[in-house]
Amino acid sequence: MIDVLIEKIKKTGNPTVAGLDPKLEYVPEEMKKAAFSEYGNGFEGAANAILRFNKALIDCLCDIVPAVKPQSAYYEMYGVCGIRTLCETIEYARSKGMYVIVDAKRGDIGATSEAYATAYLGETNLDGAFAPAFGADSMTVNPYLGTDGVKPFADLCEKNGKSIFVLVKTSNKSSGELQDLMVDGKPIYEYIADLVNQWGGGSRGKYGYANVGAVVGATYPQQAETLRKIMPSAYFLVPGYGAQGGTAKDVKKSFNGDGLGAIVNASRSIMCAYMKNGGTLQDAARAEAVRMRDDITSVL
């Protein structure tokens, strides 16, 4: 549930999440060589190199960053081996006390959404025995098939103590092609915000937030300010800080007056800090995570 994430944010004093969106070219050369030497230069070797990369990042961040956000596409492109790496990354991050948000952006007709929700947030029926397939704490959800596509995810949040983040106003440049369309004088993203309030239901955790949150990009601070007023009880997952151009001043619009209400994502700026700033992967990633934390908390 969202309270678990909030408590980790409060414990670390850090409202940020490290995106684990790995490409093979991000992995330090010595890690790649070791993985390829042991597993070959195919999918198995590539996936193992990424797993080593992820574990090194988790090890150096787990005491100062409350959560990680693996983007499923970066694992799927390495096939079955990549999916295994995603599962092992989720398990390893959770073993280190981190909250795991899988950025999968799933959403489909009701029955298919139920299967997606079961895969990431629930337990699969194995002929009478039940076990989690991925075991994530949270995931991103695409709302554009309507309520029957989102309800299975929201239901499992209540049942299993999980959370979701619904795409409302995303950080990419072309998001306005659909999300900014005006309907009866109001942009579509505001209609989605109203639905997020409905999907969150009447239940609130001890900090006053629902388990159904919203994805609101740092690259659109004015819209974020409006959406914060519409969805006072929704937690915001805020992409777009750093490499996409969002600043601490921009992300401030997504927070409530209690200093809570949002968690800000950065991926490449942390994963690839060693390429830009020098030093080891771990030291550079940790330094960038601390810099980001201090930058954001300075404006709250």
Foldseek 3Di string as FASTA:
>chain_A
DVVLLVVLCVQLVFQAAAELLDDLVLQDPVLLVVLCVVPNDALLSSLSSSLVLLLLQLVLCLNRHQAYEYELVSQCVSPPSSVVSQLVSQVSNVVSRHAYEYADQAWDAQVVLLVVLCADQRWDQPPNDTDHNRNHQEYEYECVVHDSRCLSNLVSCVVRVHAYAYEQQAADPCSCVQQQDDDPRGGNSLVVLLVLVVSQPPDADPVQAGRYAYEHELNCQVVLLVSCVSHVRHAYEYECPDPNDGFLVSCVSQADPVRGRYHYYDYCCLSNQCVVPNDDSSVRNSVSSVVRRCRNVVVD
